[in-house]
PDB file of N, CA and C in Angstrom:
ATOM      1  N   GLN A   1      50.810 170.402  84.239  1.00  0.00           N
ATOM      2  CA  GLN A   1      49.588 169.863  84.819  1.00  0.00           C
ATOM      3  C   GLN A   1      49.385 168.438  84.309  1.00  0.00           C
ATOM      4  N   VAL A   2      48.926 167.553  85.190  1.00  0.00           N
ATOM      5  CA  VAL A   2      48.723 166.151  84.871  1.00  0.00           C
ATOM      6  C   VAL A   2      47.323 165.734  85.284  1.00  0.00           C
ATOM      7  N   GLN A   3      46.691 164.938  84.437  1.00  0.00           N
ATOM      8  CA  GLN A   3      45.416 164.312  84.766  1.00  0.00           C
ATOM      9  C   GLN A   3      45.606 162.806  84.784  1.00  0.00           C
ATOM     10  N   LEU A   4      44.987 162.141  85.761  1.00  0.00           N
ATOM     11  CA  LEU A   4      45.075 160.697  85.911  1.00  0.00           C
ATOM     12  C   LEU A   4      43.683 160.098  85.811  1.00  0.00           C
ATOM     13  N   ALA A   5      43.539 159.092  84.969  1.00  0.00           N
ATOM     14  CA  ALA A   5      42.245 158.454  84.735  1.00  0.00           C
ATOM     15  C   ALA A   5      42.329 156.976  85.081  1.00  0.00           C
ATOM     16  N   GLU A   6      41.642 156.567  86.154  1.00  0.00           N
ATOM     17  CA  GLU A   6      41.646 155.174  86.585  1.00  0.00           C
ATOM     18  C   GLU A   6      40.489 154.402  85.974  1.00  0.00           C
ATOM     19  N   SER A   7      40.677 153.093  85.862  1.00  0.00           N
ATOM     20  CA  SER A   7      39.620 152.209  85.421  1.00  0.00           C
ATOM     21  C   SER A   7      39.917 150.798  85.923  1.00  0.00           C
ATOM     22  N   GLY A   8      38.914 149.933  85.875  1.00  0.00           N
ATOM     23  CA  GLY A   8      39.107 148.534  86.210  1.00  0.00           C
ATOM     24  C   GLY A   8      38.514 148.079  87.526  1.00  0.00           C
ATOM     25  N   GLY A   9      37.971 148.996  88.305  1.00  0.00           N
ATOM     26  CA  GLY A   9      37.369 148.605  89.565  1.00  0.00           C
ATOM     27  C   GLY A   9      36.072 147.855  89.354  1.00  0.00           C
ATOM     28  N   GLY A  10      35.585 147.245  90.430  1.00  0.00           N
ATOM     29  CA  GLY A  10      34.343 146.506  90.342  1.00  0.00           C
ATOM     30  C   GLY A  10      34.138 145.594  91.524  1.00  0.00           C
ATOM     31  N   LEU A  11      33.188 144.687  91.380  1.00  0.00           N
ATOM     32  CA  LEU A  11      32.843 143.723  92.420  1.00  0.00           C
ATOM     33  C   LEU A  11      33.463 142.376  92.095  1.00  0.00           C
ATOM     34  N   VAL A  12      34.123 141.777  93.070  1.00  0.00           N
ATOM     35  CA  VAL A  12      34.761 140.485  92.880  1.00  0.00           C
ATOM     36  C   VAL A  12      34.619 139.663  94.158  1.00  0.00           C
ATOM     37  N   GLN A  13      34.548 138.357  94.017  1.00  0.00           N
ATOM     38  CA  GLN A  13      34.458 137.477  95.176  1.00  0.00           C
ATOM     39  C   GLN A  13      35.821 137.272  95.816  1.00  0.00           C
ATOM     40  N   PRO A  14      35.851 136.943  97.103  1.00  0.00           N
ATOM     41  CA  PRO A  14      37.132 136.652  97.748  1.00  0.00           C
ATOM     42  C   PRO A  14      37.911 135.587  96.983  1.00  0.00           C
ATOM     43  N   GLY A  15      39.207 135.818  96.832  1.00  0.00           N
ATOM     44  CA  GLY A  15      40.045 134.925  96.059  1.00  0.00           C
ATOM     45  C   GLY A  15      40.132 135.271  94.592  1.00  0.00           C
ATOM     46  N   GLY A  16      39.317 136.194  94.150  1.00  0.00           N
ATOM     47  CA  GLY A  16      39.300 136.590  92.758  1.00  0.00           C
ATOM     48  C   GLY A  16      40.360 137.609  92.422  1.00  0.00           C
ATOM     49  N   SER A  17      40.318 138.094  91.183  1.00  0.00           N
ATOM     50  CA  SER A  17      41.322 139.017  90.681  1.00  0.00           C
ATOM     51  C   SER A  17      40.687 140.196  89.966  1.00  0.00           C
ATOM     52  N   LEU A  18      41.393 141.311  89.997  1.00  0.00           N
ATOM     53  CA  LEU A  18      41.033 142.500  89.239  1.00  0.00           C
ATOM     54  C   LEU A  18      42.310 143.154  88.751  1.00  0.00           C
ATOM     55  N   ARG A  19      42.209 143.855  87.646  1.00  0.00           N
ATOM     56  CA  ARG A  19      43.333 144.610  87.107  1.00  0.00           C
ATOM     57  C   ARG A  19      42.928 146.067  86.941  1.00  0.00           C
ATOM     58  N   LEU A  20      43.584 146.939  87.676  1.00  0.00           N
ATOM     59  CA  LEU A  20      43.340 148.363  87.581  1.00  0.00           C
ATOM     60  C   LEU A  20      44.334 148.996  86.626  1.00  0.00           C
ATOM     61  N   SER A  21      43.916 150.043  85.959  1.00  0.00           N
ATOM     62  CA  SER A  21      44.815 150.794  85.107  1.00  0.00           C
ATOM     63  C   SER A  21      44.636 152.279  85.359  1.00  0.00           C
ATOM     64  N   CYS A  22      45.676 153.033  85.081  1.00  0.00           N
ATOM     65  CA  CYS A  22      45.653 154.478  85.266  1.00  0.00           C
ATOM     66  C   CYS A  22      46.492 155.109  84.173  1.00  0.00           C
ATOM     67  N   ALA A  23      45.861 155.925  83.356  1.00  0.00           N
ATOM     68  CA  ALA A  23      46.539 156.603  82.264  1.00  0.00           C
ATOM     69  C   ALA A  23      46.760 158.063  82.610  1.00  0.00           C
ATOM     70  N   ALA A  24      47.987 158.510  82.464  1.00  0.00           N
ATOM     71  CA  ALA A  24      48.345 159.893  82.751  1.00  0.00           C
ATOM     72  C   ALA A  24      48.420 160.696  81.465  1.00  0.00           C
ATOM     73  N   SER A  25      47.957 161.919  81.540  1.00  0.00           N
ATOM     74  CA  SER A  25      48.055 162.825  80.410  1.00  0.00           C
ATOM     75  C   SER A  25      48.474 164.201  80.907  1.00  0.00           C
ATOM     76  N   GLY A  26      49.025 164.995  80.002  1.00  0.00           N
ATOM     77  CA  GLY A  26      49.492 166.315  80.363  1.00  0.00           C
ATOM     78  C   GLY A  26      50.996 166.412  80.253  1.00  0.00           C
ATOM     79  N   THR A  27      51.577 167.175  81.143  1.00  0.00           N
ATOM     80  CA  THR A  27      53.017 167.388  81.137  1.00  0.00           C
ATOM     81  C   THR A  27      53.690 166.347  82.015  1.00  0.00           C
ATOM     82  N   ILE A  28      54.288 165.350  81.363  1.00  0.00           N
ATOM     83  CA  ILE A  28      54.930 164.242  82.066  1.00  0.00           C
ATOM     84  C   ILE A  28      56.434 164.425  82.008  1.00  0.00           C
ATOM     85  N   PHE A  29      57.070 164.524  83.163  1.00  0.00           N
ATOM     86  CA  PHE A  29      58.518 164.663  83.232  1.00  0.00           C
ATOM     87  C   PHE A  29      59.186 163.297  83.284  1.00  0.00           C
ATOM     88  N   SER A  30      60.478 163.277  82.991  1.00  0.00           N
ATOM     89  CA  SER A  30      61.193 162.008  82.908  1.00  0.00           C
ATOM     90  C   SER A  30      61.399 161.359  84.272  1.00  0.00           C
ATOM     91  N   ILE A  31      61.442 162.155  85.318  1.00  0.00           N
ATOM     92  CA  ILE A  31      61.609 161.625  86.662  1.00  0.00           C
ATOM     93  C   ILE A  31      60.251 161.632  87.360  1.00  0.00           C
ATOM     94  N   ASN A  32      59.646 160.461  87.459  1.00  0.00           N
ATOM     95  CA  ASN A  32      58.346 160.383  88.105  1.00  0.00           C
ATOM     96  C   ASN A  32      58.105 158.991  88.654  1.00  0.00           C
ATOM     97  N   ILE A  33      57.245 158.935  89.653  1.00  0.00           N
ATOM     98  CA  ILE A  33      56.821 157.683  90.258  1.00  0.00           C
ATOM     99  C   ILE A  33      55.305 157.626  90.200  1.00  0.00           C
ATOM    100  N   MET A  34      54.768 156.522  89.722  1.00  0.00           N
ATOM    101  CA  MET A  34      53.335 156.309  89.694  1.00  0.00           C
ATOM    102  C   MET A  34      52.981 155.170  90.640  1.00  0.00           C
ATOM    103  N   GLY A  35      51.811 155.277  91.251  1.00  0.00           N
ATOM    104  CA  GLY A  35      51.434 154.246  92.191  1.00  0.00           C
ATOM    105  C   GLY A  35      49.979 154.280  92.555  1.00  0.00           C
ATOM    106  N   TRP A  36      49.662 153.531  93.609  1.00  0.00           N
ATOM    107  CA  TRP A  36      48.288 153.368  94.049  1.00  0.00           C
ATOM    108  C   TRP A  36      48.173 153.510  95.556  1.00  0.00           C
ATOM    109  N   TYR A  37      47.145 154.219  95.980  1.00  0.00           N
ATOM    110  CA  TYR A  37      46.718 154.280  97.365  1.00  0.00           C
ATOM    111  C   TYR A  37      45.286 153.773  97.432  1.00  0.00           C
ATOM    112  N   ARG A  38      44.825 153.474  98.631  1.00  0.00           N
ATOM    113  CA  ARG A  38      43.439 153.069  98.789  1.00  0.00           C
ATOM    114  C   ARG A  38      42.887 153.611 100.090  1.00  0.00           C
ATOM    115  N   GLN A  39      41.566 153.755 100.123  1.00  0.00           N
ATOM    116  CA  GLN A  39      40.900 154.255 101.313  1.00  0.00           C
ATOM    117  C   GLN A  39      39.601 153.489 101.523  1.00  0.00           C
ATOM    118  N   ALA A  40      39.522 152.798 102.640  1.00  0.00           N
ATOM    119  CA  ALA A  40      38.322 152.076 103.020  1.00  0.00           C
ATOM    120  C   ALA A  40      37.433 152.984 103.865  1.00  0.00           C
ATOM    121  N   PRO A  41      36.125 152.693 103.935  1.00  0.00           N
ATOM    122  CA  PRO A  41      35.224 153.527 104.738  1.00  0.00           C
ATOM    123  C   PRO A  41      35.681 153.628 106.186  1.00  0.00           C
ATOM    124  N   GLY A  42      35.749 154.848 106.691  1.00  0.00           N
ATOM    125  CA  GLY A  42      36.139 155.068 108.067  1.00  0.00           C
ATOM    126  C   GLY A  42      37.619 154.947 108.353  1.00  0.00           C
ATOM    127  N   LYS A  43      38.431 154.759 107.328  1.00  0.00           N
ATOM    128  CA  LYS A  43      39.864 154.605 107.519  1.00  0.00           C
ATOM    129  C   LYS A  43      40.628 155.668 106.741  1.00  0.00           C
ATOM    130  N   GLN A  44      41.881 155.844 107.121  1.00  0.00           N
ATOM    131  CA  GLN A  44      42.746 156.784 106.426  1.00  0.00           C
ATOM    132  C   GLN A  44      43.228 156.192 105.106  1.00  0.00           C
ATOM    133  N   ARG A  45      43.561 157.061 104.176  1.00  0.00           N
ATOM    134  CA  ARG A  45      44.123 156.606 102.919  1.00  0.00           C
ATOM    135  C   ARG A  45      45.490 155.976 103.184  1.00  0.00           C
ATOM    136  N   GLU A  46      45.735 154.827 102.576  1.00  0.00           N
ATOM    137  CA  GLU A  46      46.975 154.111 102.817  1.00  0.00           C
ATOM    138  C   GLU A  46      47.686 153.764 101.520  1.00  0.00           C
ATOM    139  N   PHE A  47      48.983 153.674 101.616  1.00  0.00           N
ATOM    140  CA  PHE A  47      49.825 153.316 100.493  1.00  0.00           C
ATOM    141  C   PHE A  47      49.610 151.857 100.113  1.00  0.00           C
ATOM    142  N   VAL A  48      49.596 151.592  98.798  1.00  0.00           N
ATOM    143  CA  VAL A  48      49.462 150.232  98.287  1.00  0.00           C
ATOM    144  C   VAL A  48      50.728 149.797  97.551  1.00  0.00           C
ATOM    145  N   ALA A  49      51.102 150.547  96.521  1.00  0.00           N
ATOM    146  CA  ALA A  49      52.267 150.194  95.718  1.00  0.00           C
ATOM    147  C   ALA A  49      52.681 151.380  94.873  1.00  0.00           C
ATOM    148  N   GLU A  50      53.936 151.393  94.444  1.00  0.00           N
ATOM    149  CA  GLU A  50      54.424 152.422  93.543  1.00  0.00           C
ATOM    150  C   GLU A  50      55.538 151.858  92.686  1.00  0.00           C
ATOM    151  N   ILE A  51      55.804 152.550  91.566  1.00  0.00           N
ATOM    152  CA  ILE A  51      56.806 152.068  90.627  1.00  0.00           C
ATOM    153  C   ILE A  51      57.434 153.243  89.906  1.00  0.00           C
ATOM    154  N   SER A  52      58.738 153.180  89.711  1.00  0.00           N
ATOM    155  CA  SER A  52      59.464 154.211  88.988  1.00  0.00           C
ATOM    156  C   SER A  52      59.460 153.909  87.503  1.00  0.00           C
ATOM    157  N   ARG A  53      59.939 154.877  86.699  1.00  0.00           N
ATOM    158  CA  ARG A  53      60.018 154.640  85.261  1.00  0.00           C
ATOM    159  C   ARG A  53      60.959 153.492  84.933  1.00  0.00           C
ATOM    160  N   GLY A  54      61.968 153.297  85.761  1.00  0.00           N
ATOM    161  CA  GLY A  54      62.905 152.218  85.547  1.00  0.00           C
ATOM    162  C   GLY A  54      62.418 150.861  85.994  1.00  0.00           C
ATOM    163  N   GLY A  55      61.256 150.799  86.624  1.00  0.00           N
ATOM    164  CA  GLY A  55      60.673 149.532  87.025  1.00  0.00           C
ATOM    165  C   GLY A  55      60.859 149.151  88.482  1.00  0.00           C
ATOM    166  N   GLY A  56      61.552 149.976  89.244  1.00  0.00           N
ATOM    167  CA  GLY A  56      61.694 149.691  90.658  1.00  0.00           C
ATOM    168  C   GLY A  56      60.371 149.840  91.377  1.00  0.00           C
ATOM    169  N   ALA A  57      59.960 148.812  92.103  1.00  0.00           N
ATOM    170  CA  ALA A  57      58.640 148.789  92.720  1.00  0.00           C
ATOM    171  C   ALA A  57      58.723 148.622  94.226  1.00  0.00           C
ATOM    172  N   MET A  58      57.700 149.115  94.908  1.00  0.00           N
ATOM    173  CA  MET A  58      57.571 148.992  96.343  1.00  0.00           C
ATOM    174  C   MET A  58      56.124 148.673  96.671  1.00  0.00           C
ATOM    175  N   TYR A  59      55.910 147.792  97.660  1.00  0.00           N
ATOM    176  CA  TYR A  59      54.571 147.360  98.025  1.00  0.00           C
ATOM    177  C   TYR A  59      54.349 147.492  99.521  1.00  0.00           C
ATOM    178  N   ALA A  60      53.102 147.745  99.886  1.00  0.00           N
ATOM    179  CA  ALA A  60      52.721 147.642 101.281  1.00  0.00           C
ATOM    180  C   ALA A  60      52.756 146.181 101.700  1.00  0.00           C
ATOM    181  N   ASP A  61      53.094 145.935 102.966  1.00  0.00           N
ATOM    182  CA  ASP A  61      53.167 144.562 103.447  1.00  0.00           C
ATOM    183  C   ASP A  61      51.845 143.818 103.282  1.00  0.00           C
ATOM    184  N   SER A  62      50.744 144.525 103.383  1.00  0.00           N
ATOM    185  CA  SER A  62      49.437 143.903 103.326  1.00  0.00           C
ATOM    186  C   SER A  62      49.093 143.322 101.954  1.00  0.00           C
ATOM    187  N   VAL A  63      49.779 143.779 100.908  1.00  0.00           N
ATOM    188  CA  VAL A  63      49.470 143.310  99.558  1.00  0.00           C
ATOM    189  C   VAL A  63      50.630 142.581  98.908  1.00  0.00           C
ATOM    190  N   LYS A  64      51.771 142.566  99.538  1.00  0.00           N
ATOM    191  CA  LYS A  64      52.956 141.938  98.965  1.00  0.00           C
ATOM    192  C   LYS A  64      52.701 140.454  98.706  1.00  0.00           C
ATOM    193  N   GLY A  65      53.060 140.017  97.513  1.00  0.00           N
ATOM    194  CA  GLY A  65      52.838 138.639  97.122  1.00  0.00           C
ATOM    195  C   GLY A  65      51.502 138.399  96.450  1.00  0.00           C
ATOM    196  N   ARG A  66      50.588 139.352  96.556  1.00  0.00           N
ATOM    197  CA  ARG A  66      49.272 139.217  95.937  1.00  0.00           C
ATOM    198  C   ARG A  66      49.060 140.225  94.807  1.00  0.00           C
ATOM    199  N   PHE A  67      49.606 141.416  94.970  1.00  0.00           N
ATOM    200  CA  PHE A  67      49.448 142.476  93.977  1.00  0.00           C
ATOM    201  C   PHE A  67      50.747 142.662  93.205  1.00  0.00           C
ATOM    202  N   THR A  68      50.621 143.040  91.947  1.00  0.00           N
ATOM    203  CA  THR A  68      51.773 143.349  91.119  1.00  0.00           C
ATOM    204  C   THR A  68      51.539 144.662  90.390  1.00  0.00           C
ATOM    205  N   ILE A  69      52.466 145.596  90.556  1.00  0.00           N
ATOM    206  CA  ILE A  69      52.369 146.871  89.870  1.00  0.00           C
ATOM    207  C   ILE A  69      53.307 146.864  88.671  1.00  0.00           C
ATOM    208  N   SER A  70      52.876 147.473  87.589  1.00  0.00           N
ATOM    209  CA  SER A  70      53.687 147.580  86.391  1.00  0.00           C
ATOM    210  C   SER A  70      53.340 148.879  85.676  1.00  0.00           C
ATOM    211  N   ARG A  71      54.153 149.249  84.703  1.00  0.00           N
ATOM    212  CA  ARG A  71      53.857 150.466  83.951  1.00  0.00           C
ATOM    213  C   ARG A  71      54.373 150.362  82.536  1.00  0.00           C
ATOM    214  N   ASP A  72      53.739 151.124  81.670  1.00  0.00           N
ATOM    215  CA  ASP A  72      54.120 151.246  80.278  1.00  0.00           C
ATOM    216  C   ASP A  72      54.471 152.705  80.060  1.00  0.00           C
ATOM    217  N   ASN A  73      55.757 152.999  79.991  1.00  0.00           N
ATOM    218  CA  ASN A  73      56.192 154.382  79.891  1.00  0.00           C
ATOM    219  C   ASN A  73      55.762 155.036  78.582  1.00  0.00           C
ATOM    220  N   ALA A  74      55.718 154.264  77.504  1.00  0.00           N
ATOM    221  CA  ALA A  74      55.303 154.807  76.220  1.00  0.00           C
ATOM    222  C   ALA A  74      53.858 155.269  76.253  1.00  0.00           C
ATOM    223  N   LYS A  75      53.032 154.610  77.073  1.00  0.00           N
ATOM    224  CA  LYS A  75      51.621 154.956  77.199  1.00  0.00           C
ATOM    225  C   LYS A  75      51.322 155.786  78.441  1.00  0.00           C
ATOM    226  N   ASN A  76      52.341 156.061  79.245  1.00  0.00           N
ATOM    227  CA  ASN A  76      52.157 156.785  80.503  1.00  0.00           C
ATOM    228  C   ASN A  76      51.043 156.162  81.338  1.00  0.00           C
ATOM    229  N   THR A  77      51.095 154.862  81.451  1.00  0.00           N
ATOM    230  CA  THR A  77      50.047 154.117  82.126  1.00  0.00           C
ATOM    231  C   THR A  77      50.646 153.186  83.176  1.00  0.00           C
ATOM    232  N   VAL A  78      49.998 153.126  84.326  1.00  0.00           N
ATOM    233  CA  VAL A  78      50.392 152.219  85.389  1.00  0.00           C
ATOM    234  C   VAL A  78      49.255 151.233  85.631  1.00  0.00           C
ATOM    235  N   TYR A  79      49.613 149.994  85.981  1.00  0.00           N
ATOM    236  CA  TYR A  79      48.644 148.936  86.200  1.00  0.00           C
ATOM    237  C   TYR A  79      48.824 148.350  87.590  1.00  0.00           C
ATOM    238  N   LEU A  80      47.754 147.810  88.117  1.00  0.00           N
ATOM    239  CA  LEU A  80      47.809 147.080  89.373  1.00  0.00           C
ATOM    240  C   LEU A  80      47.032 145.790  89.209  1.00  0.00           C
ATOM    241  N   GLN A  81      47.760 144.684  89.121  1.00  0.00           N
ATOM    242  CA  GLN A  81      47.142 143.370  89.054  1.00  0.00           C
ATOM    243  C   GLN A  81      46.923 142.876  90.475  1.00  0.00           C
ATOM    244  N   MET A  82      45.672 142.651  90.839  1.00  0.00           N
ATOM    245  CA  MET A  82      45.320 142.252  92.189  1.00  0.00           C
ATOM    246  C   MET A  82      44.795 140.829  92.164  1.00  0.00           C
ATOM    247  N   ASN A  83      45.509 139.937  92.821  1.00  0.00           N
ATOM    248  CA  ASN A  83      45.127 138.532  92.907  1.00  0.00           C
ATOM    249  C   ASN A  83      44.844 138.151  94.351  1.00  0.00           C
ATOM    250  N   SER A  84      44.181 137.028  94.525  1.00  0.00           N
ATOM    251  CA  SER A  84      43.856 136.514  95.860  1.00  0.00           C
ATOM    252  C   SER A  84      43.230 137.592  96.727  1.00  0.00           C
ATOM    253  N   LEU A  85      42.253 138.269  96.177  1.00  0.00           N
ATOM    254  CA  LEU A  85      41.646 139.397  96.876  1.00  0.00           C
ATOM    255  C   LEU A  85      40.903 138.954  98.132  1.00  0.00           C
ATOM    256  N   LYS A  86      40.969 139.803  99.146  1.00  0.00           N
ATOM    257  CA  LYS A  86      40.314 139.577 100.419  1.00  0.00           C
ATOM    258  C   LYS A  86      39.300 140.674 100.671  1.00  0.00           C
ATOM    259  N   SER A  87      38.380 140.416 101.578  1.00  0.00           N
ATOM    260  CA  SER A  87      37.372 141.418 101.900  1.00  0.00           C
ATOM    261  C   SER A  87      38.008 142.703 102.413  1.00  0.00           C
ATOM    262  N   GLU A  88      39.128 142.593 103.107  1.00  0.00           N
ATOM    263  CA  GLU A  88      39.797 143.771 103.629  1.00  0.00           C
ATOM    264  C   GLU A  88      40.475 144.613 102.550  1.00  0.00           C
ATOM    265  N   ASP A  89      40.502 144.112 101.308  1.00  0.00           N
ATOM    266  CA  ASP A  89      41.004 144.906 100.192  1.00  0.00           C
ATOM    267  C   ASP A  89      39.945 145.868  99.664  1.00  0.00           C
ATOM    268  N   THR A  90      38.727 145.752 100.144  1.00  0.00           N
ATOM    269  CA  THR A  90      37.652 146.631  99.700  1.00  0.00           C
ATOM    270  C   THR A  90      37.980 148.076 100.039  1.00  0.00           C
ATOM    271  N   ALA A  91      37.979 148.930  99.030  1.00  0.00           N
ATOM    272  CA  ALA A  91      38.332 150.331  99.208  1.00  0.00           C
ATOM    273  C   ALA A  91      38.173 151.056  97.888  1.00  0.00           C
ATOM    274  N   VAL A  92      38.261 152.370  97.957  1.00  0.00           N
ATOM    275  CA  VAL A  92      38.433 153.170  96.755  1.00  0.00           C
ATOM    276  C   VAL A  92      39.923 153.255  96.482  1.00  0.00           C
ATOM    277  N   TYR A  93      40.321 152.873  95.289  1.00  0.00           N
ATOM    278  CA  TYR A  93      41.725 152.870  94.915  1.00  0.00           C
ATOM    279  C   TYR A  93      42.032 154.103  94.080  1.00  0.00           C
ATOM    280  N   TYR A  94      43.060 154.831  94.493  1.00  0.00           N
ATOM    281  CA  TYR A  94      43.444 156.075  93.846  1.00  0.00           C
ATOM    282  C   TYR A  94      44.803 155.942  93.184  1.00  0.00           C
ATOM    283  N   CYS A  95      44.871 156.335  91.941  1.00  0.00           N
ATOM    284  CA  CYS A  95      46.146 156.430  91.244  1.00  0.00           C
ATOM    285  C   CYS A  95      46.832 157.730  91.644  1.00  0.00           C
ATOM    286  N   ASN A  96      48.149 157.691  91.740  1.00  0.00           N
ATOM    287  CA  ASN A  96      48.881 158.912  92.035  1.00  0.00           C
ATOM    288  C   ASN A  96      50.180 158.964  91.253  1.00  0.00           C
ATOM    289  N   MET A  97      50.683 160.173  91.089  1.00  0.00           N
ATOM    290  CA  MET A  97      51.951 160.383  90.418  1.00  0.00           C
ATOM    291  C   MET A  97      52.730 161.464  91.147  1.00  0.00           C
ATOM    292  N   TYR A  98      54.000 161.191  91.400  1.00  0.00           N
ATOM    293  CA  TYR A  98      54.945 162.179  91.890  1.00  0.00           C
ATOM    294  C   TYR A  98      55.892 162.519  90.758  1.00  0.00           C
ATOM    295  N   GLN A  99      56.129 163.804  90.562  1.00  0.00           N
ATOM    296  CA  GLN A  99      57.067 164.253  89.540  1.00  0.00           C
ATOM    297  C   GLN A  99      58.105 165.170  90.161  1.00  0.00           C
ATOM    298  N   LEU A 100      59.336 165.013  89.703  1.00  0.00           N
ATOM    299  CA  LEU A 100      60.419 165.871  90.140  1.00  0.00           C
ATOM    300  C   LEU A 100      60.940 166.635  88.938  1.00  0.00           C
ATOM    301  N   ALA A 101      60.831 167.953  88.972  1.00  0.00           N
ATOM    302  CA  ALA A 101      61.334 168.820  87.923  1.00  0.00           C
ATOM    303  C   ALA A 101      62.211 169.882  88.557  1.00  0.00           C
ATOM    304  N   SER A 102      63.488 169.850  88.224  1.00  0.00           N
ATOM    305  CA  SER A 102      64.466 170.727  88.872  1.00  0.00           C
ATOM    306  C   SER A 102      64.390 170.490  90.378  1.00  0.00           C
ATOM    307  N   ALA A 103      64.128 171.546  91.148  1.00  0.00           N
ATOM    308  CA  ALA A 103      64.041 171.413  92.597  1.00  0.00           C
ATOM    309  C   ALA A 103      62.602 171.321  93.093  1.00  0.00           C
ATOM    310  N   LEU A 104      61.633 171.171  92.189  1.00  0.00           N
ATOM    311  CA  LEU A 104      60.225 171.165  92.557  1.00  0.00           C
ATOM    312  C   LEU A 104      59.639 169.762  92.452  1.00  0.00           C
ATOM    313  N   THR A 105      58.766 169.436  93.387  1.00  0.00           N
ATOM    314  CA  THR A 105      58.070 168.159  93.403  1.00  0.00           C
ATOM    315  C   THR A 105      56.574 168.399  93.256  1.00  0.00           C
ATOM    316  N   TYR A 106      55.932 167.622  92.385  1.00  0.00           N
ATOM    317  CA  TYR A 106      54.506 167.735  92.138  1.00  0.00           C
ATOM    318  C   TYR A 106      53.830 166.407  92.434  1.00  0.00           C
ATOM    319  N   HIS A 107      52.612 166.472  92.971  1.00  0.00           N
ATOM    320  CA  HIS A 107      51.852 165.297  93.337  1.00  0.00           C
ATOM    321  C   HIS A 107      50.439 165.411  92.765  1.00  0.00           C
ATOM    322  N   TYR A 108      50.010 164.375  92.027  1.00  0.00           N
ATOM    323  CA  TYR A 108      48.709 164.371  91.385  1.00  0.00           C
ATOM    324  C   TYR A 108      47.921 163.143  91.803  1.00  0.00           C
ATOM    325  N   TRP A 109      46.596 163.274  91.834  1.00  0.00           N
ATOM    326  CA  TRP A 109      45.700 162.194  92.222  1.00  0.00           C
ATOM    327  C   TRP A 109      44.617 161.984  91.178  1.00  0.00           C
ATOM    328  N   GLY A 110      44.243 160.726  90.980  1.00  0.00           N
ATOM    329  CA  GLY A 110      43.108 160.404  90.143  1.00  0.00           C
ATOM    330  C   GLY A 110      41.812 160.513  90.919  1.00  0.00           C
ATOM    331  N   GLN A 111      40.699 160.237  90.250  1.00  0.00           N
ATOM    332  CA  GLN A 111      39.381 160.349  90.866  1.00  0.00           C
ATOM    333  C   GLN A 111      39.054 159.175  91.784  1.00  0.00           C
ATOM    334  N   GLY A 112      39.696 158.050  91.581  1.00  0.00           N
ATOM    335  CA  GLY A 112      39.449 156.865  92.377  1.00  0.00           C
ATOM    336  C   GLY A 112      38.517 155.892  91.677  1.00  0.00           C
ATOM    337  N   THR A 113      38.720 154.607  91.940  1.00  0.00           N
ATOM    338  CA  THR A 113      37.851 153.568  91.410  1.00  0.00           C
ATOM    339  C   THR A 113      37.534 152.579  92.528  1.00  0.00           C
ATOM    340  N   GLN A 114      36.262 152.209  92.649  1.00  0.00           N
ATOM    341  CA  GLN A 114      35.807 151.362  93.747  1.00  0.00           C
ATOM    342  C   GLN A 114      36.132 149.905  93.485  1.00  0.00           C
ATOM    343  N   VAL A 115      36.740 149.268  94.473  1.00  0.00           N
ATOM    344  CA  VAL A 115      36.975 147.829  94.460  1.00  0.00           C
ATOM    345  C   VAL A 115      36.238 147.233  95.650  1.00  0.00           C
ATOM    346  N   THR A 116      35.325 146.318  95.377  1.00  0.00           N
ATOM    347  CA  THR A 116      34.560 145.665  96.426  1.00  0.00           C
ATOM    348  C   THR A 116      34.778 144.164  96.350  1.00  0.00           C
ATOM    349  N   VAL A 117      35.244 143.590  97.445  1.00  0.00           N
ATOM    350  CA  VAL A 117      35.491 142.153  97.528  1.00  0.00           C
ATOM    351  C   VAL A 117      34.473 141.577  98.503  1.00  0.00           C
ATOM    352  N   SER A 118      33.535 140.812  97.986  1.00  0.00           N
ATOM    353  CA  SER A 118      32.451 140.298  98.806  1.00  0.00           C
ATOM    354  C   SER A 118      31.848 139.058  98.170  1.00  0.00           C
ATOM    355  N   SER A 119      31.402 138.141  99.014  1.00  0.00           N
ATOM    356  CA  SER A 119      30.713 136.949  98.556  1.00  0.00           C
ATOM    357  C   SER A 119      29.205 137.106  98.648  1.00  0.00           C
TER     358      SER A 119
END
């Protein structure tokens, strides 16, 4: 079982920056991917970014070049540095983790943290 705790959300003006963090606790396997999704009001939850333990990262086209995902394996923590924020980035951001153990795959979600970009 894994618990994910997000932090770092808040209110920021367009063009500003925020840094989100997500700390995982519980049973962490060696093969796992941590990342971020977001959900704006009235919209479906969408992929933002993800990163493997080895550092391989993937980004949604909408955030590529503006957001940077990183992780600290010793701390079981993933970060999302968000720069050049736009109003359309406003959403609840959810941390997630996929784990592969033997032939089984597990998926965990955090509680979410609100990011509001507004002038």
